[in-house]
């Protein structure tokens, strides 16, 4: 029998961290709550069978709807959480339908009547269960990584492969370095912010002081089985592009990036991704996830679409 218990704090969430994406981890929820929530608004629900924890759901009431925690727009109406879902460990996944039936009853019994589930991945059990209610929201390109760089190049379209090799050859005409930082210091983070703001007026507007503090809190949050990584492409010892990513043993999830437009001739944004992909292959990772958004460079580098859905349920 599935039971639901409302929890008082993020510290009560119990999970197998190795099988959940960063956006459903306690450290991400804790960071989002501290920066963007009234302390009373999150709804943290533990999921149990026979008194044994099998997962959790983190939600927030926004106006007249229940959203996944992290999904409400924040500073300047920005959405900053790429994927939404509940978390269930392997034991919990076998009870997925019963879990959602019990969650729906819990919300109804507690006076809520509308769920809005945003950015559900098409490979999710939740999507399979509710797909009759699903409306596509966005796409999130990703790459299944082969074991060798040459195999990756052969997966690319002929034109894209030729263009990538041409751009890499052009970069070889100048002194350049790929710098990877597993434990970013404040100075590294400030360089990322500088390059992020240089990228476009939209990114400059996005990265307010409040958003910058949120990003730094994500970088420094204590994590299990995930790490926050920064990497840079340097030309003549100057940082020209940057990627901020979440990584575990098998995956790289690209959270945000930036570049200096004065180095456009060397395609520094795209090539930094290429070096990052090459490094991920060398380390034996299996997925390079560009996450939400359909920017052209993601497909030039071999990205394939993961569709994301909104599911609205009236209780």
Protein backbone atom coordinates (compact mmCIF):
# COMPACT_ATOMS: atom_id res chain seq x y z
CA UNK A 1 0.00 0.00 0.00
CA UNK A 2 1.30 3.42 -1.01
CA UNK A 3 1.17 6.20 1.57
CA UNK A 4 2.05 9.89 1.38
CA UNK A 5 3.55 11.97 4.17
CA UNK A 6 4.04 15.73 4.06
CA UNK A 7 7.60 16.58 5.07
CA UNK A 8 8.79 19.66 6.90
CA UNK A 9 12.12 20.22 5.12
CA UNK A 10 14.29 19.13 2.22
CA UNK A 11 16.56 17.28 4.65
CA UNK A 12 13.80 14.67 5.09
CA UNK A 13 13.84 13.68 1.42
CA UNK A 14 15.36 10.23 0.94
CA UNK A 15 16.61 9.19 -2.48
CA UNK A 16 19.00 7.11 -4.50
CA UNK A 17 20.90 10.07 -5.91
CA UNK A 18 22.63 8.03 -8.61
CA UNK A 19 19.39 7.54 -10.55
CA UNK A 20 17.87 11.03 -10.59
CA UNK A 21 18.63 14.10 -12.69
CA UNK A 22 19.92 17.19 -10.85
CA UNK A 23 16.58 19.01 -10.96
CA UNK A 24 14.92 16.47 -8.68
CA UNK A 25 17.68 16.36 -6.07
CA UNK A 26 17.34 17.73 -2.53
CA UNK A 27 20.29 20.10 -3.02
CA UNK A 28 18.63 21.68 -6.07
CA UNK A 29 15.29 22.02 -4.26
CA UNK A 30 17.01 23.52 -1.23
CA UNK A 31 18.81 26.09 -3.38
CA UNK A 32 15.66 27.06 -5.28
CA UNK A 33 13.65 27.42 -2.06
CA UNK A 34 16.25 29.66 -0.43
CA UNK A 35 16.38 32.02 -3.39
CA UNK A 36 12.86 32.05 -4.81
CA UNK A 37 10.26 30.69 -2.37
CA UNK A 38 8.32 31.74 0.63
CA UNK A 39 9.30 29.18 3.24
CA UNK A 40 5.69 28.01 3.60
CA UNK A 41 4.94 27.53 -0.12
CA UNK A 42 6.84 24.31 -1.01
CA UNK A 43 4.91 21.06 -0.65
CA UNK A 44 7.38 18.24 0.01
CA UNK A 45 5.81 14.79 -0.06
CA UNK A 46 7.51 11.56 0.95
CA UNK A 47 6.27 8.41 -0.79
CA UNK A 48 6.24 5.13 1.13
CA UNK A 49 5.21 1.52 0.86
CA UNK A 50 4.97 -0.51 4.06
CA UNK A 51 6.68 2.38 5.89
CA UNK A 52 9.67 2.15 3.53
CA UNK A 53 10.67 5.23 1.57
CA UNK A 54 10.50 4.70 -2.20
CA UNK A 55 10.66 8.29 -3.41
CA UNK A 56 9.26 11.80 -3.16
CA UNK A 57 7.53 14.61 -4.96
CA UNK A 58 8.36 18.30 -4.54
CA UNK A 59 5.65 20.79 -5.50
CA UNK A 60 4.62 24.41 -4.99
CA UNK A 61 1.26 26.15 -5.09
CA UNK A 62 1.40 29.04 -7.56
CA UNK A 63 -1.84 30.99 -7.90
CA UNK A 64 -4.52 28.31 -8.34
CA UNK A 65 -2.25 25.51 -9.58
CA UNK A 66 0.16 22.97 -8.13
CA UNK A 67 3.48 23.00 -10.02
CA UNK A 68 6.63 21.00 -9.62
CA UNK A 69 8.97 22.83 -7.27
CA UNK A 70 11.35 24.87 -9.41
CA UNK A 71 8.97 25.36 -12.33
CA UNK A 72 7.50 28.76 -11.55
CA UNK A 73 9.04 31.66 -13.51
CA UNK A 74 11.37 33.74 -11.36
CA UNK A 75 13.48 36.87 -11.97
CA UNK A 76 12.24 38.69 -15.09
CA UNK A 77 9.84 35.79 -15.76
CA UNK A 78 12.67 33.32 -16.38
CA UNK A 79 12.26 29.54 -16.21
CA UNK A 80 15.41 27.97 -14.80
CA UNK A 81 14.51 24.31 -14.13
CA UNK A 82 14.88 22.16 -17.23
CA UNK A 83 13.11 18.91 -16.29
CA UNK A 84 10.22 18.14 -13.97
CA UNK A 85 9.00 14.89 -12.40
CA UNK A 86 8.60 13.01 -9.17
CA UNK A 87 11.45 10.79 -8.01
CA UNK A 88 11.01 7.07 -7.45
CA UNK A 89 13.78 4.58 -6.73
CA UNK A 90 13.82 1.21 -8.48
CA UNK A 91 11.35 -0.28 -6.00
CA UNK A 92 9.06 2.71 -6.37
CA UNK A 93 9.00 2.55 -10.16
CA UNK A 94 7.13 -0.74 -10.02
CA UNK A 95 4.30 1.11 -8.22
CA UNK A 96 4.31 4.18 -10.47
CA UNK A 97 0.60 4.21 -11.36
CA UNK A 98 -0.46 3.59 -7.76
CA UNK A 99 1.90 6.34 -6.58
CA UNK A 100 0.27 8.90 -8.86
CA UNK A 101 -3.23 7.77 -7.91
CA UNK A 102 -2.29 8.25 -4.26
CA UNK A 103 -0.70 11.65 -4.94
CA UNK A 104 -3.82 12.84 -6.77
CA UNK A 105 -6.00 11.74 -3.89
CA UNK A 106 -3.69 13.48 -1.39
CA UNK A 107 -3.93 16.79 -3.28
CA UNK A 108 -7.71 16.49 -3.61
CA UNK A 109 -8.10 15.66 0.09
CA UNK A 110 -5.99 18.71 0.97
CA UNK A 111 -8.05 21.17 -1.05
CA UNK A 112 -6.13 21.33 -4.32
CA UNK A 113 -7.84 20.67 -7.64
CA UNK A 114 -5.37 21.36 -10.48
CA UNK A 115 -1.93 19.94 -11.25
CA UNK A 116 0.31 21.48 -13.92
CA UNK A 117 3.28 19.21 -14.60
CA UNK A 118 5.85 20.99 -16.76
CA UNK A 119 8.79 19.74 -18.82
CA UNK A 120 8.08 16.03 -18.42
CA UNK A 121 10.52 14.05 -20.58
CA UNK A 122 9.10 11.70 -23.18
CA UNK A 123 11.14 8.83 -21.66
CA UNK A 124 9.44 9.31 -18.28
CA UNK A 125 6.97 6.90 -16.73
CA UNK A 126 4.89 9.95 -15.84
CA UNK A 127 4.57 10.87 -19.52
CA UNK A 128 3.54 7.32 -20.40
CA UNK A 129 0.89 7.34 -17.69
CA UNK A 130 -0.65 10.70 -18.60
CA UNK A 131 0.21 11.13 -22.28
CA UNK A 132 -3.45 11.53 -23.25
CA UNK A 133 -3.27 14.86 -21.37
CA UNK A 134 0.19 15.83 -22.66
CA UNK A 135 0.96 18.87 -24.82
CA UNK A 136 4.46 19.31 -26.20
CA UNK A 137 6.28 22.32 -24.70
CA UNK A 138 9.87 22.25 -25.89
CA UNK A 139 12.65 20.00 -27.11
CA UNK A 140 15.91 19.15 -25.34
CA UNK A 141 18.60 17.93 -27.76
CA UNK A 142 21.04 15.29 -26.49
CA UNK A 143 23.77 12.99 -27.82
CA UNK A 144 24.23 9.31 -27.02
CA UNK A 145 28.01 9.17 -26.85
CA UNK A 146 29.94 6.36 -28.56
CA UNK A 147 33.15 4.95 -27.09
CA UNK A 148 35.52 6.72 -29.46
CA UNK A 149 35.83 10.24 -30.88
CA UNK A 150 36.18 8.97 -34.46
CA UNK A 151 32.90 7.07 -34.05
CA UNK A 152 31.24 10.27 -32.85
CA UNK A 153 32.48 12.15 -35.92
CA UNK A 154 31.04 9.47 -38.19
CA UNK A 155 27.60 9.89 -36.58
CA UNK A 156 27.49 13.53 -37.70
CA UNK A 157 25.98 14.48 -41.02
CA UNK A 158 28.66 14.72 -43.69
CA UNK A 159 28.32 18.50 -43.98
CA UNK A 160 28.42 18.99 -40.19
CA UNK A 161 31.44 16.70 -39.84
CA UNK A 162 33.32 18.57 -42.58
CA UNK A 163 32.43 21.94 -41.03
CA UNK A 164 33.51 20.87 -37.54
CA UNK A 165 36.87 19.67 -38.84
CA UNK A 166 37.31 22.94 -40.75
CA UNK A 167 36.62 25.00 -37.64
CA UNK A 168 38.97 22.91 -35.51
CA UNK A 169 41.71 23.31 -38.11
CA UNK A 170 41.22 27.08 -38.11
CA UNK A 171 41.57 27.14 -34.32
CA UNK A 172 44.91 25.35 -34.67
CA UNK A 173 46.32 28.53 -36.26
CA UNK A 174 46.34 30.22 -32.84
CA UNK A 175 47.55 29.23 -29.39
CA UNK A 176 44.58 27.70 -27.57
CA UNK A 177 43.82 25.60 -24.49
CA UNK A 178 40.85 23.65 -23.19
CA UNK A 179 40.64 24.18 -19.43
CA UNK A 180 38.40 21.95 -17.30
CA UNK A 181 37.65 22.87 -13.66
CA UNK A 182 35.95 20.31 -11.43
CA UNK A 183 35.83 22.49 -8.30
CA UNK A 184 35.31 26.05 -9.54
CA UNK A 185 36.61 28.86 -7.37
CA UNK A 186 34.97 32.29 -7.17
CA UNK A 187 37.34 33.71 -9.78
CA UNK A 188 36.42 30.94 -12.24
CA UNK A 189 32.74 31.61 -11.65
CA UNK A 190 33.22 35.35 -12.24
CA UNK A 191 34.83 34.54 -15.61
CA UNK A 192 31.81 32.42 -16.52
CA UNK A 193 29.49 35.31 -15.58
CA UNK A 194 31.54 37.75 -17.65
CA UNK A 195 31.36 35.54 -20.74
CA UNK A 196 27.69 34.74 -20.17
CA UNK A 197 26.77 38.42 -20.11
CA UNK A 198 28.90 39.15 -23.19
CA UNK A 199 27.04 36.53 -25.23
CA UNK A 200 23.85 38.52 -25.90
CA UNK A 201 21.58 41.24 -24.56
CA UNK A 202 19.12 38.52 -23.53
CA UNK A 203 21.72 36.77 -21.38
CA UNK A 204 22.85 40.08 -19.90
CA UNK A 205 19.25 40.78 -18.86
CA UNK A 206 18.89 37.23 -17.54
CA UNK A 207 21.94 37.31 -15.28
CA UNK A 208 20.77 39.75 -12.63
CA UNK A 209 22.55 39.90 -9.28
CA UNK A 210 19.84 37.68 -7.81
CA UNK A 211 20.27 35.10 -10.58
CA UNK A 212 24.04 35.23 -10.20
CA UNK A 213 23.73 34.44 -6.49
CA UNK A 214 21.44 31.51 -7.33
CA UNK A 215 23.96 30.12 -9.83
CA UNK A 216 26.81 30.44 -7.34
CA UNK A 217 24.72 28.62 -4.74
CA UNK A 218 24.23 25.78 -7.23
CA UNK A 219 27.98 25.63 -7.85
CA UNK A 220 28.83 25.49 -4.15
CA UNK A 221 25.93 23.32 -2.93
CA UNK A 222 26.96 20.09 -1.24
CA UNK A 223 26.12 17.24 -3.62
CA UNK A 224 26.20 13.46 -3.70
CA UNK A 225 26.96 11.73 -7.02
CA UNK A 226 26.74 15.03 -8.94
CA UNK A 227 29.25 17.81 -9.40
CA UNK A 228 29.11 21.25 -10.96
CA UNK A 229 31.78 21.75 -13.59
CA UNK A 230 33.16 24.79 -15.43
CA UNK A 231 35.23 24.62 -18.58
CA UNK A 232 36.79 27.29 -20.77
CA UNK A 233 38.30 27.62 -24.21
CA UNK A 234 41.27 29.93 -24.02
CA UNK A 235 42.92 31.65 -26.97
CA UNK A 236 46.31 33.18 -26.33
CA UNK A 237 45.68 32.73 -22.59
CA UNK A 238 42.39 34.62 -22.66
CA UNK A 239 39.08 32.93 -21.78
CA UNK A 240 36.82 33.13 -24.84
CA UNK A 241 33.93 30.76 -24.01
CA UNK A 242 32.60 28.88 -20.99
CA UNK A 243 30.22 26.05 -20.11
CA UNK A 244 28.60 25.42 -16.73
CA UNK A 245 27.46 21.80 -16.47
CA UNK A 246 26.14 19.21 -14.04
CA UNK A 247 27.95 15.88 -14.29
CA UNK A 248 27.88 12.41 -12.83
CA UNK A 249 29.57 9.16 -13.84
CA UNK A 250 27.56 8.75 -17.02
CA UNK A 251 26.21 12.13 -18.10
CA UNK A 252 27.03 15.76 -18.84
CA UNK A 253 24.07 18.16 -18.59
CA UNK A 254 24.84 21.59 -20.00
CA UNK A 255 23.09 24.12 -17.75
CA UNK A 256 24.36 27.35 -19.29
CA UNK A 257 27.17 28.83 -21.34
CA UNK A 258 28.71 32.04 -22.60
CA UNK A 259 31.25 33.37 -25.07
CA UNK A 260 33.04 36.52 -26.20
CA UNK A 261 31.58 37.61 -29.60
CA UNK A 262 34.87 39.25 -30.53
CA UNK A 263 36.19 35.68 -31.05
CA UNK A 264 33.35 34.61 -33.37
CA UNK A 265 35.85 33.98 -36.17
CA UNK A 266 37.13 30.97 -34.24
CA UNK A 267 33.64 29.58 -33.43
CA UNK A 268 34.64 29.45 -29.77
CA UNK A 269 31.17 28.57 -28.44
CA UNK A 270 30.61 25.57 -30.69
CA UNK A 271 34.20 24.33 -30.42
CA UNK A 272 34.15 24.40 -26.64
CA UNK A 273 31.20 22.02 -26.80
CA UNK A 274 33.17 19.84 -29.20
CA UNK A 275 36.12 19.66 -26.78
CA UNK A 276 33.71 18.96 -23.91
CA UNK A 277 32.10 16.13 -25.89
CA UNK A 278 35.54 14.72 -26.68
CA UNK A 279 36.47 14.80 -23.00
CA UNK A 280 33.17 13.13 -22.03
CA UNK A 281 33.84 10.31 -24.50
CA UNK A 282 37.36 9.85 -23.11
CA UNK A 283 35.89 9.56 -19.60
CA UNK A 284 33.43 6.90 -20.73
CA UNK A 285 30.27 8.98 -20.31
CA UNK A 286 27.24 7.92 -22.32
CA UNK A 287 25.10 11.07 -22.60
CA UNK A 288 25.77 14.69 -23.48
CA UNK A 289 22.57 16.60 -22.74
CA UNK A 290 22.19 20.12 -24.16
CA UNK A 291 18.88 20.41 -22.27
CA UNK A 292 16.04 22.76 -23.21
CA UNK A 293 16.23 24.85 -26.37
CA UNK A 294 16.65 24.26 -30.10
CA UNK A 295 19.66 26.43 -30.91
CA UNK A 296 21.25 25.47 -34.25
CA UNK A 297 24.67 24.55 -32.82
CA UNK A 298 23.15 21.69 -30.80
CA UNK A 299 22.06 19.96 -34.01
CA UNK A 300 25.29 20.83 -35.83
CA UNK A 301 27.01 18.78 -33.12
CA UNK A 302 24.69 15.80 -33.55
CA UNK A 303 21.92 16.54 -31.07
CA UNK A 304 18.71 14.49 -31.28
CA UNK A 305 15.47 15.72 -29.76
CA UNK A 306 14.05 14.68 -26.42
CA UNK A 307 10.51 16.02 -26.38
CA UNK A 308 9.24 17.70 -23.21
CA UNK A 309 5.57 17.90 -22.28
CA UNK A 310 3.15 19.79 -20.07
CA UNK A 311 0.49 17.65 -18.43
CA UNK A 312 -2.51 19.37 -16.81
CA UNK A 313 -4.78 17.33 -14.56
CA UNK A 314 -8.01 18.49 -12.98
CA UNK A 315 -8.67 16.56 -9.80
